[in-house]
Amino acid sequence: MARYIVLLGPPGAGKGTQAAVISKELDLAHISSGDIFRENLKNETDLGKLAAGYMNQGLLVPDDLTIAMIGDRLKRPDCVKGALLDGFPRTPAQADALAKMLAEFDGRVICVPYIYVPAEVLIERLSGRWSCKQGHVYHEKFNPPQQPGLCDVDGSELYQREDDQPATVERRIKVYFEQTSPLIEYYRAAGLLMEVDGTQPIDSVSEQLLAAIRKVA
């Protein structure tokens, strides 16, 4: 039976970093819903064209279309043994649809690691980011520039993207927790949720995630 892992975590929890570690250590394809959308839009696939029609009108892409894109990706050879899903599902309805789809592949979700980080820590992590026009990134607490306000590499002035400003960050995190809470409870009730403290050092989070997954893999 193919094994699938659904990785959950709010913005700033380090989900992308941990997804890369897990997929490499367990030899599983890392399936990012964002990457799948971008690929379909870029290649102008039939599914991509349909999705673009909704997005160009400022509408959410319907679940059935999103699920079709995910299903198309999971049919590729690198997913025969299973995959690590990142960014999908987002709702209990999508989780139900995923379970039905995986059953067709003789697979199922074996666990749902959830990297939990309190909102105030996430805000500190995300709102402290500053960048230069060349894309060099700093953090006022964790990776400050040698001279405040100036890039170490090219000496240019640092600025804060709108996405990284405290008010925007706070809204993003609030929306995440509001939208994802039902999904977290869905997987908790199914006995699949595995919470890991995301405030620990990166290596410690990786070790705990892998240990938890290996118990059921």
Foldseek 3Di string as FASTA:
>chain_A
DAEEEEEAEAPQLCRVVLLVLVCVVVVFAEAELVVLQVVCCVVVDVLNVQCVVQVVVVHHDDLVSSVVSVLVVCPDPSQLNHHYYYHPDQAVVRQVVVQVSVVVSVYHYQAYEYADDDLVVSLQSQLQWKAFPVGDIAGVPPGAAPDPQAHVPPRGGIDDDPCRHNVNSSVRRVVSCVRRVNVQVVCVVVVRYDYDHSVDPPVVSSVVVNVVVVVRD
